[in-house]
Amino acid sequence: RREIRRLARAAGVGNRVHFVRGGKLAQLLADTRTAVTVNSTAA
């Protein structure tokens, strides 16, 4: 979370970046435009 905040501020998008701690994917997937990952099976 700390790294996300730092990097988002540095890129000028601090007010457009959010963090969610774990949990189920379904609610967030319902409205997302895209998904990005390294190689997570959740993809």
PDB file of all heavy atoms in Angstrom:
ATOM      1  N   ARG A   1       0.821  -1.208   0.000  1.00  0.00           N
ATOM      2  CA  ARG A   1       0.000   0.000   0.000  1.00  0.00           C
ATOM      3  C   ARG A   1       0.861   1.266   0.000  1.00  0.00           C
ATOM      4  O   ARG A   1       0.590   2.206  -0.766  1.00  0.00           O
ATOM      5  CB  ARG A   1      -0.934   0.003   1.208  1.00  0.00           C
ATOM      6  CG  ARG A   1      -1.660   1.326   1.424  1.00  0.00           C
ATOM      7  CD  ARG A   1      -2.555   1.263   2.636  1.00  0.00           C
ATOM      8  NE  ARG A   1      -3.819   0.611   2.317  1.00  0.00           N
ATOM      9  CZ  ARG A   1      -4.750   0.345   3.222  1.00  0.00           C
ATOM     10  NH1 ARG A   1      -4.556   0.639   4.463  1.00  0.00           N
ATOM     11  NH2 ARG A   1      -5.873  -0.226   2.859  1.00  0.00           N
ATOM     12  N   ARG A   2       1.905   1.288   0.818  1.00  0.00           N
ATOM     13  CA  ARG A   2       2.793   2.450   0.889  1.00  0.00           C
ATOM     14  C   ARG A   2       3.482   2.705  -0.442  1.00  0.00           C
ATOM     15  O   ARG A   2       3.583   3.849  -0.904  1.00  0.00           O
ATOM     16  CB  ARG A   2       3.817   2.253   2.001  1.00  0.00           C
ATOM     17  CG  ARG A   2       4.690   3.479   2.272  1.00  0.00           C
ATOM     18  CD  ARG A   2       5.657   3.187   3.415  1.00  0.00           C
ATOM     19  NE  ARG A   2       6.658   2.216   3.028  1.00  0.00           N
ATOM     20  CZ  ARG A   2       7.413   1.514   3.894  1.00  0.00           C
ATOM     21  NH1 ARG A   2       7.230   1.681   5.209  1.00  0.00           N
ATOM     22  NH2 ARG A   2       8.305   0.666   3.452  1.00  0.00           N
ATOM     23  N   GLU A   3       3.928   1.631  -1.096  1.00  0.00           N
ATOM     24  CA  GLU A   3       4.599   1.772  -2.377  1.00  0.00           C
ATOM     25  C   GLU A   3       3.645   2.276  -3.456  1.00  0.00           C
ATOM     26  O   GLU A   3       4.020   3.090  -4.299  1.00  0.00           O
ATOM     27  CB  GLU A   3       5.207   0.433  -2.792  1.00  0.00           C
ATOM     28  CG  GLU A   3       6.434   0.043  -1.986  1.00  0.00           C
ATOM     29  CD  GLU A   3       7.582   1.009  -2.224  1.00  0.00           C
ATOM     30  OE1 GLU A   3       8.293   0.836  -3.218  1.00  0.00           O
ATOM     31  OE2 GLU A   3       7.744   1.950  -1.417  1.00  0.00           O
ATOM     32  N   ILE A   4       2.405   1.806  -3.430  1.00  0.00           N
ATOM     33  CA  ILE A   4       1.412   2.278  -4.399  1.00  0.00           C
ATOM     34  C   ILE A   4       1.178   3.777  -4.243  1.00  0.00           C
ATOM     35  O   ILE A   4       1.153   4.525  -5.228  1.00  0.00           O
ATOM     36  CB  ILE A   4       0.095   1.495  -4.238  1.00  0.00           C
ATOM     37  CG1 ILE A   4       0.276   0.045  -4.714  1.00  0.00           C
ATOM     38  CG2 ILE A   4      -1.039   2.169  -5.016  1.00  0.00           C
ATOM     39  CD1 ILE A   4      -0.891  -0.853  -4.394  1.00  0.00           C
ATOM     40  N   ARG A   5       1.018   4.235  -3.008  1.00  0.00           N
ATOM     41  CA  ARG A   5       0.807   5.659  -2.763  1.00  0.00           C
ATOM     42  C   ARG A   5       1.999   6.479  -3.252  1.00  0.00           C
ATOM     43  O   ARG A   5       1.827   7.523  -3.900  1.00  0.00           O
ATOM     44  CB  ARG A   5       0.584   5.904  -1.275  1.00  0.00           C
ATOM     45  CG  ARG A   5      -0.772   5.431  -0.761  1.00  0.00           C
ATOM     46  CD  ARG A   5      -0.847   5.571   0.745  1.00  0.00           C
ATOM     47  NE  ARG A   5      -2.152   5.203   1.262  1.00  0.00           N
ATOM     48  CZ  ARG A   5      -2.419   5.058   2.561  1.00  0.00           C
ATOM     49  NH1 ARG A   5      -1.453   5.232   3.464  1.00  0.00           N
ATOM     50  NH2 ARG A   5      -3.638   4.696   2.953  1.00  0.00           N
ATOM     51  N   ARG A   6       3.200   6.026  -2.960  1.00  0.00           N
ATOM     52  CA  ARG A   6       4.406   6.760  -3.352  1.00  0.00           C
ATOM     53  C   ARG A   6       4.528   6.857  -4.868  1.00  0.00           C
ATOM     54  O   ARG A   6       4.769   7.940  -5.421  1.00  0.00           O
ATOM     55  CB  ARG A   6       5.642   6.069  -2.768  1.00  0.00           C
ATOM     56  CG  ARG A   6       6.966   6.731  -3.145  1.00  0.00           C
ATOM     57  CD  ARG A   6       8.139   5.975  -2.563  1.00  0.00           C
ATOM     58  NE  ARG A   6       8.317   4.651  -3.129  1.00  0.00           N
ATOM     59  CZ  ARG A   6       8.939   4.402  -4.285  1.00  0.00           C
ATOM     60  NH1 ARG A   6       9.431   5.398  -5.002  1.00  0.00           N
ATOM     61  NH2 ARG A   6       9.069   3.156  -4.720  1.00  0.00           N
ATOM     62  N   LEU A   7       4.346   5.726  -5.547  1.00  0.00           N
ATOM     63  CA  LEU A   7       4.499   5.687  -6.997  1.00  0.00           C
ATOM     64  C   LEU A   7       3.382   6.463  -7.704  1.00  0.00           C
ATOM     65  O   LEU A   7       3.617   7.114  -8.724  1.00  0.00           O
ATOM     66  CB  LEU A   7       4.523   4.235  -7.475  1.00  0.00           C
ATOM     67  CG  LEU A   7       5.745   3.414  -7.025  1.00  0.00           C
ATOM     68  CD1 LEU A   7       5.501   1.927  -7.278  1.00  0.00           C
ATOM     69  CD2 LEU A   7       7.003   3.882  -7.743  1.00  0.00           C
ATOM     70  N   ALA A   8       2.176   6.390  -7.158  1.00  0.00           N
ATOM     71  CA  ALA A   8       1.056   7.113  -7.758  1.00  0.00           C
ATOM     72  C   ALA A   8       1.261   8.622  -7.660  1.00  0.00           C
ATOM     73  O   ALA A   8       0.995   9.363  -8.611  1.00  0.00           O
ATOM     74  CB  ALA A   8      -0.250   6.696  -7.092  1.00  0.00           C
ATOM     75  N   ARG A   9       1.736   9.095  -6.496  1.00  0.00           N
ATOM     76  CA  ARG A   9       2.021  10.527  -6.350  1.00  0.00           C
ATOM     77  C   ARG A   9       3.109  10.968  -7.314  1.00  0.00           C
ATOM     78  O   ARG A   9       3.007  12.035  -7.934  1.00  0.00           O
ATOM     79  CB  ARG A   9       2.421  10.834  -4.908  1.00  0.00           C
ATOM     80  CG  ARG A   9       1.282  10.812  -3.908  1.00  0.00           C
ATOM     81  CD  ARG A   9       1.696  11.499  -2.604  1.00  0.00           C
ATOM     82  NE  ARG A   9       2.807  10.809  -1.956  1.00  0.00           N
ATOM     83  CZ  ARG A   9       2.673   9.870  -1.031  1.00  0.00           C
ATOM     84  NH1 ARG A   9       1.448   9.496  -0.645  1.00  0.00           N
ATOM     85  NH2 ARG A   9       3.732   9.304  -0.490  1.00  0.00           N
ATOM     86  N   ALA A  10       4.146  10.137  -7.457  1.00  0.00           N
ATOM     87  CA  ALA A  10       5.255  10.476  -8.351  1.00  0.00           C
ATOM     88  C   ALA A  10       4.803  10.564  -9.807  1.00  0.00           C
ATOM     89  O   ALA A  10       5.342  11.364 -10.583  1.00  0.00           O
ATOM     90  CB  ALA A  10       6.368   9.449  -8.211  1.00  0.00           C
ATOM     91  N   ALA A  11       3.800   9.754 -10.178  1.00  0.00           N
ATOM     92  CA  ALA A  11       3.308   9.749 -11.554  1.00  0.00           C
ATOM     93  C   ALA A  11       2.199  10.766 -11.784  1.00  0.00           C
ATOM     94  O   ALA A  11       1.686  10.892 -12.906  1.00  0.00           O
ATOM     95  CB  ALA A  11       2.812   8.352 -11.928  1.00  0.00           C
ATOM     96  N   GLY A  12       1.814  11.502 -10.729  1.00  0.00           N
ATOM     97  CA  GLY A  12       0.788  12.514 -10.855  1.00  0.00           C
ATOM     98  C   GLY A  12      -0.629  11.986 -10.909  1.00  0.00           C
ATOM     99  O   GLY A  12      -1.545  12.685 -11.363  1.00  0.00           O
ATOM    100  N   VAL A  13      -0.860  10.756 -10.409  1.00  0.00           N
ATOM    101  CA  VAL A  13      -2.201  10.160 -10.441  1.00  0.00           C
ATOM    102  C   VAL A  13      -2.629   9.701  -9.051  1.00  0.00           C
ATOM    103  O   VAL A  13      -3.450   8.787  -8.911  1.00  0.00           O
ATOM    104  CB  VAL A  13      -2.260   8.978 -11.448  1.00  0.00           C
ATOM    105  CG1 VAL A  13      -2.102   9.472 -12.875  1.00  0.00           C
ATOM    106  CG2 VAL A  13      -1.192   7.921 -11.126  1.00  0.00           C
ATOM    107  N   GLY A  14      -2.104  10.356  -8.017  1.00  0.00           N
ATOM    108  CA  GLY A  14      -2.370   9.916  -6.653  1.00  0.00           C
ATOM    109  C   GLY A  14      -3.842   9.891  -6.284  1.00  0.00           C
ATOM    110  O   GLY A  14      -4.276   9.030  -5.509  1.00  0.00           O
ATOM    111  N   ASN A  15      -4.631  10.787  -6.845  1.00  0.00           N
ATOM    112  CA  ASN A  15      -6.062  10.838  -6.527  1.00  0.00           C
ATOM    113  C   ASN A  15      -6.895   9.884  -7.365  1.00  0.00           C
ATOM    114  O   ASN A  15      -8.121   9.830  -7.198  1.00  0.00           O
ATOM    115  CB  ASN A  15      -6.582  12.259  -6.705  1.00  0.00           C
ATOM    116  CG  ASN A  15      -6.452  12.757  -8.130  1.00  0.00           C
ATOM    117  OD1 ASN A  15      -5.589  12.302  -8.883  1.00  0.00           O
ATOM    118  ND2 ASN A  15      -7.307  13.715  -8.500  1.00  0.00           N
ATOM    119  N   ARG A  16      -6.244   9.111  -8.259  1.00  0.00           N
ATOM    120  CA  ARG A  16      -6.974   8.179  -9.136  1.00  0.00           C
ATOM    121  C   ARG A  16      -6.565   6.727  -8.921  1.00  0.00           C
ATOM    122  O   ARG A  16      -6.955   5.857  -9.688  1.00  0.00           O
ATOM    123  CB  ARG A  16      -6.751   8.561 -10.595  1.00  0.00           C
ATOM    124  CG  ARG A  16      -7.323   9.930 -10.985  1.00  0.00           C
ATOM    125  CD  ARG A  16      -6.716  10.435 -12.271  1.00  0.00           C
ATOM    126  NE  ARG A  16      -6.839   9.475 -13.356  1.00  0.00           N
ATOM    127  CZ  ARG A  16      -6.084   9.459 -14.446  1.00  0.00           C
ATOM    128  NH1 ARG A  16      -5.087  10.349 -14.564  1.00  0.00           N
ATOM    129  NH2 ARG A  16      -6.262   8.550 -15.389  1.00  0.00           N
ATOM    130  N   VAL A  17      -5.793   6.469  -7.877  1.00  0.00           N
ATOM    131  CA  VAL A  17      -5.290   5.116  -7.625  1.00  0.00           C
ATOM    132  C   VAL A  17      -5.782   4.649  -6.258  1.00  0.00           C
ATOM    133  O   VAL A  17      -5.693   5.387  -5.274  1.00  0.00           O
ATOM    134  CB  VAL A  17      -3.751   5.065  -7.696  1.00  0.00           C
ATOM    135  CG1 VAL A  17      -3.250   3.671  -7.328  1.00  0.00           C
ATOM    136  CG2 VAL A  17      -3.283   5.435  -9.102  1.00  0.00           C
ATOM    137  N   HIS A  18      -6.282   3.411  -6.192  1.00  0.00           N
ATOM    138  CA  HIS A  18      -6.888   2.870  -4.982  1.00  0.00           C
ATOM    139  C   HIS A  18      -6.271   1.518  -4.636  1.00  0.00           C
ATOM    140  O   HIS A  18      -5.712   0.834  -5.494  1.00  0.00           O
ATOM    141  CB  HIS A  18      -8.402   2.697  -5.170  1.00  0.00           C
ATOM    142  CG  HIS A  18      -9.086   3.909  -5.731  1.00  0.00           C
ATOM    143  ND1 HIS A  18      -9.701   4.852  -4.941  1.00  0.00           N
ATOM    144  CD2 HIS A  18      -9.236   4.333  -7.020  1.00  0.00           C
ATOM    145  CE1 HIS A  18     -10.201   5.800  -5.717  1.00  0.00           C
ATOM    146  NE2 HIS A  18      -9.936   5.514  -6.973  1.00  0.00           N
ATOM    147  N   PHE A  19      -6.419   1.124  -3.367  1.00  0.00           N
ATOM    148  CA  PHE A  19      -5.923  -0.160  -2.881  1.00  0.00           C
ATOM    149  C   PHE A  19      -7.031  -0.870  -2.113  1.00  0.00           C
ATOM    150  O   PHE A  19      -7.682  -0.261  -1.254  1.00  0.00           O
ATOM    151  CB  PHE A  19      -4.706   0.053  -1.972  1.00  0.00           C
ATOM    152  CG  PHE A  19      -4.199  -1.211  -1.317  1.00  0.00           C
ATOM    153  CD1 PHE A  19      -3.366  -2.080  -1.995  1.00  0.00           C
ATOM    154  CD2 PHE A  19      -4.569  -1.522  -0.016  1.00  0.00           C
ATOM    155  CE1 PHE A  19      -2.900  -3.250  -1.385  1.00  0.00           C
ATOM    156  CE2 PHE A  19      -4.112  -2.681   0.600  1.00  0.00           C
ATOM    157  CZ  PHE A  19      -3.277  -3.545  -0.091  1.00  0.00           C
ATOM    158  N   VAL A  20      -7.236  -2.148  -2.427  1.00  0.00           N
ATOM    159  CA  VAL A  20      -8.213  -2.973  -1.722  1.00  0.00           C
ATOM    160  C   VAL A  20      -7.489  -4.177  -1.152  1.00  0.00           C
ATOM    161  O   VAL A  20      -6.793  -4.899  -1.867  1.00  0.00           O
ATOM    162  CB  VAL A  20      -9.358  -3.433  -2.645  1.00  0.00           C
ATOM    163  CG1 VAL A  20     -10.323  -4.341  -1.882  1.00  0.00           C
ATOM    164  CG2 VAL A  20     -10.103  -2.231  -3.206  1.00  0.00           C
ATOM    165  N   ARG A  21      -7.687  -4.435   0.107  1.00  0.00           N
ATOM    166  CA  ARG A  21      -7.009  -5.534   0.798  1.00  0.00           C
ATOM    167  C   ARG A  21      -7.741  -6.866   0.574  1.00  0.00           C
ATOM    168  O   ARG A  21      -8.813  -7.095   1.109  1.00  0.00           O
ATOM    169  CB  ARG A  21      -6.942  -5.258   2.300  1.00  0.00           C
ATOM    170  CG  ARG A  21      -6.099  -6.266   3.067  1.00  0.00           C
ATOM    171  CD  ARG A  21      -6.281  -6.059   4.552  1.00  0.00           C
ATOM    172  NE  ARG A  21      -5.793  -4.777   5.021  1.00  0.00           N
ATOM    173  CZ  ARG A  21      -4.534  -4.560   5.375  1.00  0.00           C
ATOM    174  NH1 ARG A  21      -3.640  -5.528   5.297  1.00  0.00           N
ATOM    175  NH2 ARG A  21      -4.167  -3.357   5.807  1.00  0.00           N
ATOM    176  N   GLY A  22      -7.185  -7.742  -0.202  1.00  0.00           N
ATOM    177  CA  GLY A  22      -7.661  -9.117  -0.379  1.00  0.00           C
ATOM    178  C   GLY A  22      -9.130  -9.256  -0.691  1.00  0.00           C
ATOM    179  O   GLY A  22      -9.735  -8.427  -1.364  1.00  0.00           O
ATOM    180  N   GLY A  23      -9.745 -10.344  -0.173  1.00  0.00           N
ATOM    181  CA  GLY A  23     -11.163 -10.589  -0.358  1.00  0.00           C
ATOM    182  C   GLY A  23     -11.519 -11.180  -1.704  1.00  0.00           C
ATOM    183  O   GLY A  23     -10.661 -11.552  -2.500  1.00  0.00           O
ATOM    184  N   LYS A  24     -12.822 -11.282  -1.966  1.00  0.00           N
ATOM    185  CA  LYS A  24     -13.336 -11.861  -3.196  1.00  0.00           C
ATOM    186  C   LYS A  24     -13.218 -10.864  -4.345  1.00  0.00           C
ATOM    187  O   LYS A  24     -13.309  -9.661  -4.176  1.00  0.00           O
ATOM    188  CB  LYS A  24     -14.796 -12.280  -3.028  1.00  0.00           C
ATOM    189  CG  LYS A  24     -15.052 -13.206  -1.854  1.00  0.00           C
ATOM    190  CD  LYS A  24     -14.468 -14.565  -2.065  1.00  0.00           C
ATOM    191  CE  LYS A  24     -14.844 -15.509  -0.926  1.00  0.00           C
ATOM    192  NZ  LYS A  24     -14.217 -16.807  -1.024  1.00  0.00           N
ATOM    193  N   LEU A  25     -13.057 -11.408  -5.535  1.00  0.00           N
ATOM    194  CA  LEU A  25     -12.894 -10.596  -6.726  1.00  0.00           C
ATOM    195  C   LEU A  25     -14.219 -10.148  -7.355  1.00  0.00           C
ATOM    196  O   LEU A  25     -14.270  -9.137  -8.048  1.00  0.00           O
ATOM    197  CB  LEU A  25     -12.113 -11.365  -7.790  1.00  0.00           C
ATOM    198  CG  LEU A  25     -10.629 -11.116  -7.926  1.00  0.00           C
ATOM    199  CD1 LEU A  25     -10.066 -12.001  -9.027  1.00  0.00           C
ATOM    200  CD2 LEU A  25     -10.350  -9.673  -8.249  1.00  0.00           C
ATOM    201  N   ALA A  26     -15.263 -10.904  -7.137  1.00  0.00           N
ATOM    202  CA  ALA A  26     -16.480 -10.774  -7.932  1.00  0.00           C
ATOM    203  C   ALA A  26     -17.003  -9.342  -7.993  1.00  0.00           C
ATOM    204  O   ALA A  26     -17.340  -8.838  -9.071  1.00  0.00           O
ATOM    205  CB  ALA A  26     -17.555 -11.717  -7.397  1.00  0.00           C
ATOM    206  N   GLN A  27     -17.085  -8.659  -6.843  1.00  0.00           N
ATOM    207  CA  GLN A  27     -17.654  -7.315  -6.822  1.00  0.00           C
ATOM    208  C   GLN A  27     -16.839  -6.333  -7.653  1.00  0.00           C
ATOM    209  O   GLN A  27     -17.395  -5.503  -8.374  1.00  0.00           O
ATOM    210  CB  GLN A  27     -17.782  -6.815  -5.386  1.00  0.00           C
ATOM    211  CG  GLN A  27     -18.888  -7.501  -4.584  1.00  0.00           C
ATOM    212  CD  GLN A  27     -19.065  -6.877  -3.218  1.00  0.00           C
ATOM    213  OE1 GLN A  27     -18.103  -6.541  -2.535  1.00  0.00           O
ATOM    214  NE2 GLN A  27     -20.300  -6.720  -2.798  1.00  0.00           N
ATOM    215  N   LEU A  28     -15.523  -6.406  -7.555  1.00  0.00           N
ATOM    216  CA  LEU A  28     -14.667  -5.507  -8.324  1.00  0.00           C
ATOM    217  C   LEU A  28     -14.658  -5.853  -9.803  1.00  0.00           C
ATOM    218  O   LEU A  28     -14.593  -4.967 -10.659  1.00  0.00           O
ATOM    219  CB  LEU A  28     -13.249  -5.532  -7.762  1.00  0.00           C
ATOM    220  CG  LEU A  28     -13.074  -4.918  -6.365  1.00  0.00           C
ATOM    221  CD1 LEU A  28     -11.667  -5.171  -5.849  1.00  0.00           C
ATOM    222  CD2 LEU A  28     -13.361  -3.426  -6.393  1.00  0.00           C
ATOM    223  N   LEU A  29     -14.709  -7.127 -10.130  1.00  0.00           N
ATOM    224  CA  LEU A  29     -14.726  -7.540 -11.528  1.00  0.00           C
ATOM    225  C   LEU A  29     -16.013  -7.130 -12.236  1.00  0.00           C
ATOM    226  O   LEU A  29     -16.017  -6.953 -13.454  1.00  0.00           O
ATOM    227  CB  LEU A  29     -14.551  -9.059 -11.643  1.00  0.00           C
ATOM    228  CG  LEU A  29     -13.143  -9.601 -11.428  1.00  0.00           C
ATOM    229  CD1 LEU A  29     -13.175 -11.125 -11.416  1.00  0.00           C
ATOM    230  CD2 LEU A  29     -12.191  -9.107 -12.511  1.00  0.00           C
ATOM    231  N   ALA A  30     -17.077  -6.978 -11.473  1.00  0.00           N
ATOM    232  CA  ALA A  30     -18.369  -6.678 -12.083  1.00  0.00           C
ATOM    233  C   ALA A  30     -18.350  -5.395 -12.899  1.00  0.00           C
ATOM    234  O   ALA A  30     -19.076  -5.274 -13.888  1.00  0.00           O
ATOM    235  CB  ALA A  30     -19.449  -6.595 -10.993  1.00  0.00           C
ATOM    236  N   ASP A  31     -17.515  -4.413 -12.516  1.00  0.00           N
ATOM    237  CA  ASP A  31     -17.543  -3.108 -13.170  1.00  0.00           C
ATOM    238  C   ASP A  31     -16.218  -2.693 -13.807  1.00  0.00           C
ATOM    239  O   ASP A  31     -16.134  -1.604 -14.376  1.00  0.00           O
ATOM    240  CB  ASP A  31     -17.970  -2.033 -12.164  1.00  0.00           C
ATOM    241  CG  ASP A  31     -19.376  -2.253 -11.632  1.00  0.00           C
ATOM    242  OD1 ASP A  31     -20.286  -2.490 -12.444  1.00  0.00           O
ATOM    243  OD2 ASP A  31     -19.564  -2.203 -10.397  1.00  0.00           O
ATOM    244  N   THR A  32     -15.181  -3.502 -13.707  1.00  0.00           N
ATOM    245  CA  THR A  32     -13.877  -3.090 -14.215  1.00  0.00           C
ATOM    246  C   THR A  32     -13.834  -3.098 -15.739  1.00  0.00           C
ATOM    247  O   THR A  32     -14.506  -3.899 -16.400  1.00  0.00           O
ATOM    248  CB  THR A  32     -12.759  -3.980 -13.650  1.00  0.00           C
ATOM    249  OG1 THR A  32     -11.493  -3.417 -14.002  1.00  0.00           O
ATOM    250  CG2 THR A  32     -12.842  -5.404 -14.220  1.00  0.00           C
ATOM    251  N   ARG A  33     -13.017  -2.184 -16.308  1.00  0.00           N
ATOM    252  CA  ARG A  33     -12.826  -2.120 -17.749  1.00  0.00           C
ATOM    253  C   ARG A  33     -11.806  -3.150 -18.236  1.00  0.00           C
ATOM    254  O   ARG A  33     -11.959  -3.723 -19.303  1.00  0.00           O
ATOM    255  CB  ARG A  33     -12.367  -0.711 -18.152  1.00  0.00           C
ATOM    256  CG  ARG A  33     -13.417   0.373 -17.987  1.00  0.00           C
ATOM    257  CD  ARG A  33     -14.569   0.156 -18.950  1.00  0.00           C
ATOM    258  NE  ARG A  33     -15.549   1.218 -18.883  1.00  0.00           N
ATOM    259  CZ  ARG A  33     -15.509   2.332 -19.617  1.00  0.00           C
ATOM    260  NH1 ARG A  33     -14.509   2.534 -20.480  1.00  0.00           N
ATOM    261  NH2 ARG A  33     -16.455   3.249 -19.500  1.00  0.00           N
ATOM    262  N   THR A  34     -10.731  -3.315 -17.445  1.00  0.00           N
ATOM    263  CA  THR A  34      -9.660  -4.234 -17.806  1.00  0.00           C
ATOM    264  C   THR A  34      -9.089  -4.865 -16.548  1.00  0.00           C
ATOM    265  O   THR A  34      -9.417  -4.463 -15.424  1.00  0.00           O
ATOM    266  CB  THR A  34      -8.504  -3.520 -18.541  1.00  0.00           C
ATOM    267  OG1 THR A  34      -7.821  -2.644 -17.619  1.00  0.00           O
ATOM    268  CG2 THR A  34      -9.014  -2.718 -19.739  1.00  0.00           C
ATOM    269  N   ALA A  35      -8.218  -5.845 -16.735  1.00  0.00           N
ATOM    270  CA  ALA A  35      -7.464  -6.436 -15.633  1.00  0.00           C
ATOM    271  C   ALA A  35      -6.010  -6.578 -16.070  1.00  0.00           C
ATOM    272  O   ALA A  35      -5.718  -6.901 -17.229  1.00  0.00           O
ATOM    273  CB  ALA A  35      -8.040  -7.794 -15.234  1.00  0.00           C
ATOM    274  N   VAL A  36      -5.093  -6.333 -15.119  1.00  0.00           N
ATOM    275  CA  VAL A  36      -3.659  -6.425 -15.362  1.00  0.00           C
ATOM    276  C   VAL A  36      -3.051  -7.265 -14.247  1.00  0.00           C
ATOM    277  O   VAL A  36      -3.417  -7.117 -13.076  1.00  0.00           O
ATOM    278  CB  VAL A  36      -2.994  -5.032 -15.374  1.00  0.00           C
ATOM    279  CG1 VAL A  36      -1.497  -5.150 -15.644  1.00  0.00           C
ATOM    280  CG2 VAL A  36      -3.648  -4.127 -16.412  1.00  0.00           C
ATOM    281  N   THR A  37      -2.103  -8.128 -14.586  1.00  0.00           N
ATOM    282  CA  THR A  37      -1.440  -8.943 -13.573  1.00  0.00           C
ATOM    283  C   THR A  37      -0.087  -9.414 -14.085  1.00  0.00           C
ATOM    284  O   THR A  37       0.226  -9.254 -15.279  1.00  0.00           O
ATOM    285  CB  THR A  37      -2.316 -10.161 -13.197  1.00  0.00           C
ATOM    286  OG1 THR A  37      -1.756 -10.840 -12.073  1.00  0.00           O
ATOM    287  CG2 THR A  37      -2.416 -11.144 -14.376  1.00  0.00           C
ATOM    288  N   VAL A  38       0.718  -9.976 -13.185  1.00  0.00           N
ATOM    289  CA  VAL A  38       1.946 -10.641 -13.622  1.00  0.00           C
ATOM    290  C   VAL A  38       1.551 -11.980 -14.213  1.00  0.00           C
ATOM    291  O   VAL A  38       1.635 -12.188 -15.416  1.00  0.00           O
ATOM    292  CB  VAL A  38       2.942 -10.810 -12.460  1.00  0.00           C
ATOM    293  CG1 VAL A  38       4.182 -11.578 -12.932  1.00  0.00           C
ATOM    294  CG2 VAL A  38       3.358  -9.453 -11.903  1.00  0.00           C
ATOM    295  N   ASN A  39       1.109 -12.912 -13.372  1.00  0.00           N
ATOM    296  CA  ASN A  39       0.620 -14.203 -13.846  1.00  0.00           C
ATOM    297  C   ASN A  39      -0.330 -14.843 -12.842  1.00  0.00           C
ATOM    298  O   ASN A  39      -0.389 -16.068 -12.712  1.00  0.00           O
ATOM    299  CB  ASN A  39       1.774 -15.159 -14.177  1.00  0.00           C
ATOM    300  CG  ASN A  39       2.790 -15.291 -13.055  1.00  0.00           C
ATOM    301  OD1 ASN A  39       2.547 -14.871 -11.922  1.00  0.00           O
ATOM    302  ND2 ASN A  39       3.947 -15.871 -13.349  1.00  0.00           N
ATOM    303  N   SER A  40      -1.096 -14.018 -12.133  1.00  0.00           N
ATOM    304  CA  SER A  40      -2.010 -14.518 -11.118  1.00  0.00           C
ATOM    305  C   SER A  40      -3.081 -15.428 -11.717  1.00  0.00           C
ATOM    306  O   SER A  40      -3.651 -15.131 -12.772  1.00  0.00           O
ATOM    307  CB  SER A  40      -2.688 -13.344 -10.410  1.00  0.00           C
ATOM    308  OG  SER A  40      -3.737 -13.795  -9.573  1.00  0.00           O
ATOM    309  N   THR A  41      -3.378 -16.515 -11.031  1.00  0.00           N
ATOM    310  CA  THR A  41      -4.454 -17.390 -11.483  1.00  0.00           C
ATOM    311  C   THR A  41      -5.811 -16.709 -11.385  1.00  0.00           C
ATOM    312  O   THR A  41      -6.757 -17.098 -12.069  1.00  0.00           O
ATOM    313  CB  THR A  41      -4.469 -18.688 -10.660  1.00  0.00           C
ATOM    314  OG1 THR A  41      -4.567 -18.369  -9.273  1.00  0.00           O
ATOM    315  CG2 THR A  41      -3.205 -19.504 -10.898  1.00  0.00           C
ATOM    316  N   ALA A  42      -5.912 -15.683 -10.529  1.00  0.00           N
ATOM    317  CA  ALA A  42      -7.170 -14.940 -10.419  1.00  0.00           C
ATOM    318  C   ALA A  42      -7.561 -14.277 -11.732  1.00  0.00           C
ATOM    319  O   ALA A  42      -8.729 -13.952 -11.947  1.00  0.00           O
ATOM    320  CB  ALA A  42      -7.060 -13.891  -9.322  1.00  0.00           C
ATOM    321  N   ALA A  43      -6.596 -14.091 -12.616  1.00  0.00           N
ATOM    322  CA  ALA A  43      -6.883 -13.471 -13.905  1.00  0.00           C
ATOM    323  C   ALA A  43      -7.901 -14.270 -14.714  1.00  0.00           C
ATOM    324  O   ALA A  43      -8.593 -13.720 -15.578  1.00  0.00           O
ATOM    325  CB  ALA A  43      -5.592 -13.307 -14.701  1.00  0.00           C
TER     326      ALA A  43
END
